[in-house]
Amino acid sequence: MSGIKIGTADFTGRVVSGLIPDAEPGSVVLRQLYPGEPVDIGVVDHIEPVTAQLTIYPDHRKAWSDADRMALSLFFADRYRDRHRLETLLDCVEVLGGSAGVR
């Protein structure tokens, strides 16, 4: 899967990475890197200015408490929003830079 990696963090001894997939730029796929072999464990989508929807895949639900799920959702939704703000800012700079020589 190709996309943009937006962060990696330790959640109570489990290292999870988030990726915005090229095929679904409005979501973040969560991949547990440690312990064990890397495996996709869920997705954060419907990311709004304040809220986001976290879905942990059925095979992994029991391993994550409500507090863990909240931490995953907050961490990766914030990273997603940061990335979106950066892209918007860079687009503005590109537009302004292109029009700077026009007067």
N, C-alpha and C. Protein backbone atom coordinates (compact mmCIF):
# COMPACT_ATOMS: atom_id res chain seq x y z
N MET A 1 0.85 -1.17 0.00
CA MET A 1 0.00 0.00 0.00
C MET A 1 0.90 1.23 0.00
N SER A 2 0.59 2.14 -0.90
CA SER A 2 1.38 3.36 -0.95
C SER A 2 0.57 4.52 -0.37
N GLY A 3 1.29 5.48 0.16
CA GLY A 3 0.64 6.62 0.77
C GLY A 3 1.64 7.47 1.52
N ILE A 4 1.13 8.29 2.41
CA ILE A 4 1.96 9.21 3.19
C ILE A 4 1.92 8.79 4.65
N LYS A 5 3.08 8.45 5.19
CA LYS A 5 3.17 8.10 6.60
C LYS A 5 3.08 9.39 7.42
N ILE A 6 2.17 9.38 8.42
CA ILE A 6 1.96 10.62 9.18
C ILE A 6 2.36 10.52 10.64
N GLY A 7 2.86 9.37 11.06
CA GLY A 7 3.29 9.29 12.44
C GLY A 7 3.39 7.87 12.95
N THR A 8 4.19 7.71 13.98
CA THR A 8 4.36 6.44 14.67
C THR A 8 4.46 6.75 16.15
N ALA A 9 3.78 5.95 16.96
CA ALA A 9 3.81 6.20 18.41
C ALA A 9 3.64 4.89 19.16
N ASP A 10 4.05 4.94 20.43
CA ASP A 10 3.92 3.80 21.34
C ASP A 10 2.64 3.98 22.14
N PHE A 11 1.75 3.01 22.04
CA PHE A 11 0.50 3.01 22.79
C PHE A 11 0.52 1.81 23.74
N THR A 12 0.86 2.07 24.97
CA THR A 12 0.94 1.04 26.03
C THR A 12 1.70 -0.20 25.58
N GLY A 13 2.90 0.03 25.05
CA GLY A 13 3.77 -1.08 24.65
C GLY A 13 3.54 -1.61 23.25
N ARG A 14 2.62 -1.00 22.53
CA ARG A 14 2.37 -1.40 21.13
C ARG A 14 2.68 -0.21 20.24
N VAL A 15 3.55 -0.44 19.27
CA VAL A 15 3.95 0.63 18.36
C VAL A 15 3.05 0.58 17.13
N VAL A 16 2.41 1.72 16.87
CA VAL A 16 1.46 1.82 15.76
C VAL A 16 1.86 2.97 14.85
N SER A 17 1.75 2.71 13.55
CA SER A 17 2.06 3.71 12.54
C SER A 17 0.79 4.05 11.78
N GLY A 18 0.70 5.28 11.29
CA GLY A 18 -0.46 5.71 10.52
C GLY A 18 -0.05 6.11 9.12
N LEU A 19 -0.86 5.73 8.14
CA LEU A 19 -0.58 6.00 6.74
C LEU A 19 -1.84 6.52 6.06
N ILE A 20 -1.74 7.64 5.35
CA ILE A 20 -2.84 8.11 4.52
C ILE A 20 -2.66 7.44 3.16
N PRO A 21 -3.52 6.48 2.83
CA PRO A 21 -3.34 5.76 1.57
C PRO A 21 -3.67 6.63 0.35
N ASP A 22 -2.92 6.44 -0.72
CA ASP A 22 -3.19 7.17 -1.96
C ASP A 22 -4.61 6.92 -2.44
N ALA A 23 -5.09 5.69 -2.27
CA ALA A 23 -6.42 5.32 -2.77
C ALA A 23 -7.56 5.91 -1.93
N GLU A 24 -7.29 6.25 -0.66
CA GLU A 24 -8.31 6.81 0.23
C GLU A 24 -7.72 7.97 1.02
N PRO A 25 -7.54 9.13 0.38
CA PRO A 25 -6.85 10.23 1.06
C PRO A 25 -7.61 10.84 2.23
N GLY A 26 -8.84 10.42 2.50
CA GLY A 26 -9.60 10.94 3.62
C GLY A 26 -9.57 10.06 4.85
N SER A 27 -8.66 9.08 4.88
CA SER A 27 -8.59 8.17 6.02
C SER A 27 -7.14 7.88 6.38
N VAL A 28 -6.97 7.27 7.55
CA VAL A 28 -5.64 6.88 8.03
C VAL A 28 -5.70 5.40 8.38
N VAL A 29 -4.87 4.59 7.73
CA VAL A 29 -4.77 3.17 8.03
C VAL A 29 -3.77 3.00 9.17
N LEU A 30 -4.17 2.24 10.19
CA LEU A 30 -3.31 2.00 11.35
C LEU A 30 -2.66 0.64 11.24
N ARG A 31 -1.34 0.62 11.43
CA ARG A 31 -0.58 -0.63 11.33
C ARG A 31 0.22 -0.80 12.61
N GLN A 32 -0.04 -1.90 13.31
CA GLN A 32 0.75 -2.22 14.50
C GLN A 32 2.07 -2.81 14.04
N LEU A 33 3.17 -2.17 14.46
CA LEU A 33 4.50 -2.61 14.06
C LEU A 33 5.16 -3.51 15.08
N TYR A 34 4.78 -3.34 16.35
CA TYR A 34 5.39 -4.10 17.44
C TYR A 34 4.36 -4.21 18.55
N PRO A 35 4.26 -5.28 19.26
CA PRO A 35 5.00 -6.54 19.11
C PRO A 35 4.43 -7.38 17.96
N GLY A 36 5.19 -8.36 17.59
CA GLY A 36 4.78 -9.26 16.52
C GLY A 36 5.09 -8.70 15.14
N GLU A 37 4.58 -9.40 14.15
CA GLU A 37 4.75 -8.98 12.76
C GLU A 37 3.84 -7.78 12.48
N PRO A 38 4.26 -6.89 11.59
CA PRO A 38 3.40 -5.76 11.23
C PRO A 38 2.05 -6.25 10.68
N VAL A 39 0.97 -5.60 11.16
CA VAL A 39 -0.37 -5.99 10.74
C VAL A 39 -1.28 -4.76 10.81
N ASP A 40 -2.15 -4.60 9.80
CA ASP A 40 -3.14 -3.53 9.83
C ASP A 40 -4.16 -3.85 10.90
N ILE A 41 -4.41 -2.89 11.79
CA ILE A 41 -5.34 -3.13 12.90
C ILE A 41 -6.62 -2.31 12.82
N GLY A 42 -6.63 -1.30 11.96
CA GLY A 42 -7.83 -0.48 11.89
C GLY A 42 -7.66 0.73 11.00
N VAL A 43 -8.66 1.61 11.08
CA VAL A 43 -8.66 2.80 10.25
C VAL A 43 -9.35 3.94 10.99
N VAL A 44 -8.84 5.15 10.79
CA VAL A 44 -9.49 6.36 11.28
C VAL A 44 -10.03 7.07 10.04
N ASP A 45 -11.35 7.31 10.04
CA ASP A 45 -11.92 8.02 8.90
C ASP A 45 -13.01 8.97 9.38
N HIS A 46 -13.70 9.57 8.46
CA HIS A 46 -14.68 10.62 8.78
C HIS A 46 -14.03 11.66 9.69
N ILE A 47 -12.83 12.08 9.30
CA ILE A 47 -12.05 13.02 10.10
C ILE A 47 -12.58 14.43 9.85
N GLU A 48 -13.16 15.00 10.88
CA GLU A 48 -13.75 16.34 10.84
C GLU A 48 -12.87 17.27 11.67
N PRO A 49 -13.20 18.57 11.70
CA PRO A 49 -12.39 19.50 12.50
C PRO A 49 -12.23 19.11 13.97
N VAL A 50 -13.21 18.45 14.55
CA VAL A 50 -13.13 18.11 15.98
C VAL A 50 -13.22 16.61 16.23
N THR A 51 -13.89 15.88 15.40
CA THR A 51 -14.13 14.46 15.64
C THR A 51 -13.54 13.58 14.55
N ALA A 52 -13.48 12.29 14.84
CA ALA A 52 -13.03 11.29 13.87
C ALA A 52 -13.62 9.94 14.28
N GLN A 53 -13.77 9.06 13.33
CA GLN A 53 -14.32 7.72 13.59
C GLN A 53 -13.19 6.70 13.52
N LEU A 54 -12.97 5.98 14.61
CA LEU A 54 -11.96 4.92 14.66
C LEU A 54 -12.66 3.57 14.53
N THR A 55 -12.16 2.75 13.64
CA THR A 55 -12.65 1.37 13.52
C THR A 55 -11.46 0.45 13.71
N ILE A 56 -11.52 -0.37 14.76
CA ILE A 56 -10.51 -1.41 14.98
C ILE A 56 -11.08 -2.69 14.37
N TYR A 57 -10.28 -3.36 13.56
CA TYR A 57 -10.74 -4.58 12.90
C TYR A 57 -11.08 -5.65 13.95
N PRO A 58 -12.09 -6.48 13.69
CA PRO A 58 -12.58 -7.46 14.68
C PRO A 58 -11.50 -8.32 15.34
N ASP A 59 -10.52 -8.77 14.59
CA ASP A 59 -9.48 -9.63 15.16
C ASP A 59 -8.61 -8.92 16.19
N HIS A 60 -8.69 -7.60 16.26
CA HIS A 60 -7.81 -6.82 17.14
C HIS A 60 -8.55 -6.05 18.23
N ARG A 61 -9.86 -6.08 18.22
CA ARG A 61 -10.65 -5.26 19.15
C ARG A 61 -10.37 -5.54 20.61
N LYS A 62 -10.27 -6.80 21.00
CA LYS A 62 -10.09 -7.15 22.42
C LYS A 62 -8.79 -6.61 22.99
N ALA A 63 -7.80 -6.39 22.16
CA ALA A 63 -6.49 -5.95 22.62
C ALA A 63 -6.45 -4.46 22.97
N TRP A 64 -7.48 -3.70 22.59
CA TRP A 64 -7.45 -2.26 22.75
C TRP A 64 -8.58 -1.80 23.66
N SER A 65 -8.24 -1.18 24.78
CA SER A 65 -9.24 -0.65 25.71
C SER A 65 -9.86 0.61 25.11
N ASP A 66 -10.92 1.09 25.74
CA ASP A 66 -11.55 2.33 25.28
C ASP A 66 -10.57 3.50 25.34
N ALA A 67 -9.76 3.54 26.40
CA ALA A 67 -8.76 4.61 26.54
C ALA A 67 -7.71 4.51 25.43
N ASP A 68 -7.28 3.28 25.11
CA ASP A 68 -6.31 3.08 24.02
C ASP A 68 -6.90 3.54 22.70
N ARG A 69 -8.15 3.20 22.47
CA ARG A 69 -8.82 3.58 21.21
C ARG A 69 -8.93 5.09 21.10
N MET A 70 -9.26 5.73 22.19
CA MET A 70 -9.35 7.20 22.19
C MET A 70 -7.98 7.81 21.88
N ALA A 71 -6.93 7.26 22.49
CA ALA A 71 -5.59 7.77 22.24
C ALA A 71 -5.18 7.59 20.78
N LEU A 72 -5.48 6.42 20.20
CA LEU A 72 -5.19 6.18 18.79
C LEU A 72 -5.92 7.18 17.90
N SER A 73 -7.21 7.34 18.16
CA SER A 73 -8.02 8.24 17.36
C SER A 73 -7.52 9.67 17.43
N LEU A 74 -7.26 10.15 18.64
CA LEU A 74 -6.80 11.53 18.81
C LEU A 74 -5.44 11.75 18.16
N PHE A 75 -4.50 10.84 18.40
CA PHE A 75 -3.14 11.01 17.87
C PHE A 75 -3.16 11.08 16.35
N PHE A 76 -3.80 10.10 15.71
CA PHE A 76 -3.72 10.03 14.25
C PHE A 76 -4.66 11.03 13.56
N ALA A 77 -5.79 11.37 14.17
CA ALA A 77 -6.64 12.41 13.60
C ALA A 77 -5.92 13.76 13.66
N ASP A 78 -5.22 14.04 14.77
CA ASP A 78 -4.45 15.28 14.86
C ASP A 78 -3.35 15.33 13.81
N ARG A 79 -2.66 14.21 13.60
CA ARG A 79 -1.60 14.18 12.57
C ARG A 79 -2.19 14.39 11.18
N TYR A 80 -3.36 13.79 10.95
CA TYR A 80 -4.04 13.95 9.66
C TYR A 80 -4.39 15.43 9.44
N ARG A 81 -4.95 16.07 10.46
CA ARG A 81 -5.32 17.48 10.34
C ARG A 81 -4.09 18.36 10.14
N ASP A 82 -2.99 18.06 10.85
CA ASP A 82 -1.75 18.80 10.66
C ASP A 82 -1.28 18.70 9.22
N ARG A 83 -1.33 17.50 8.68
CA ARG A 83 -0.90 17.26 7.30
C ARG A 83 -1.79 18.04 6.32
N HIS A 84 -3.09 18.02 6.58
CA HIS A 84 -4.04 18.73 5.71
C HIS A 84 -3.78 20.25 5.75
N ARG A 85 -3.53 20.80 6.96
CA ARG A 85 -3.23 22.23 7.09
C ARG A 85 -1.94 22.57 6.35
N LEU A 86 -0.93 21.72 6.45
CA LEU A 86 0.34 21.96 5.76
C LEU A 86 0.12 21.97 4.24
N GLU A 87 -0.64 21.01 3.72
CA GLU A 87 -0.91 20.97 2.29
C GLU A 87 -1.64 22.22 1.83
N THR A 88 -2.61 22.68 2.62
CA THR A 88 -3.36 23.88 2.28
C THR A 88 -2.44 25.10 2.27
N LEU A 89 -1.58 25.20 3.27
CA LEU A 89 -0.63 26.31 3.34
C LEU A 89 0.33 26.29 2.15
N LEU A 90 0.84 25.12 1.81
CA LEU A 90 1.76 25.02 0.67
C LEU A 90 1.06 25.37 -0.64
N ASP A 91 -0.21 25.00 -0.77
CA ASP A 91 -0.97 25.38 -1.96
C ASP A 91 -1.10 26.91 -2.05
N CYS A 92 -1.36 27.56 -0.92
CA CYS A 92 -1.47 29.03 -0.89
C CYS A 92 -0.15 29.68 -1.26
N VAL A 93 0.94 29.16 -0.73
CA VAL A 93 2.26 29.70 -1.03
C VAL A 93 2.56 29.55 -2.51
N GLU A 94 2.19 28.42 -3.08
CA GLU A 94 2.42 28.19 -4.51
C GLU A 94 1.64 29.20 -5.35
N VAL A 95 0.38 29.44 -4.98
CA VAL A 95 -0.43 30.40 -5.70
C VAL A 95 0.16 31.80 -5.57
N LEU A 96 0.51 32.19 -4.35
CA LEU A 96 1.09 33.51 -4.12
C LEU A 96 2.43 33.67 -4.80
N GLY A 97 3.23 32.63 -4.77
CA GLY A 97 4.54 32.67 -5.42
C GLY A 97 4.40 32.82 -6.93
N GLY A 98 3.41 32.18 -7.50
CA GLY A 98 3.17 32.27 -8.93
C GLY A 98 2.67 33.63 -9.36
N SER A 99 1.98 34.32 -8.46
CA SER A 99 1.44 35.63 -8.83
C SER A 99 2.32 36.78 -8.36
N ALA A 100 3.42 36.48 -7.68
CA ALA A 100 4.28 37.54 -7.13
C ALA A 100 4.91 38.40 -8.21
N GLY A 101 5.21 37.81 -9.35
CA GLY A 101 5.85 38.56 -10.43
C GLY A 101 4.85 39.27 -11.34
N VAL A 102 3.56 39.08 -11.08
CA VAL A 102 2.55 39.68 -11.95
C VAL A 102 2.04 40.96 -11.29
N ARG A 103 2.27 42.10 -11.92
CA ARG A 103 1.78 43.41 -11.43
C ARG A 103 1.51 44.30 -12.57
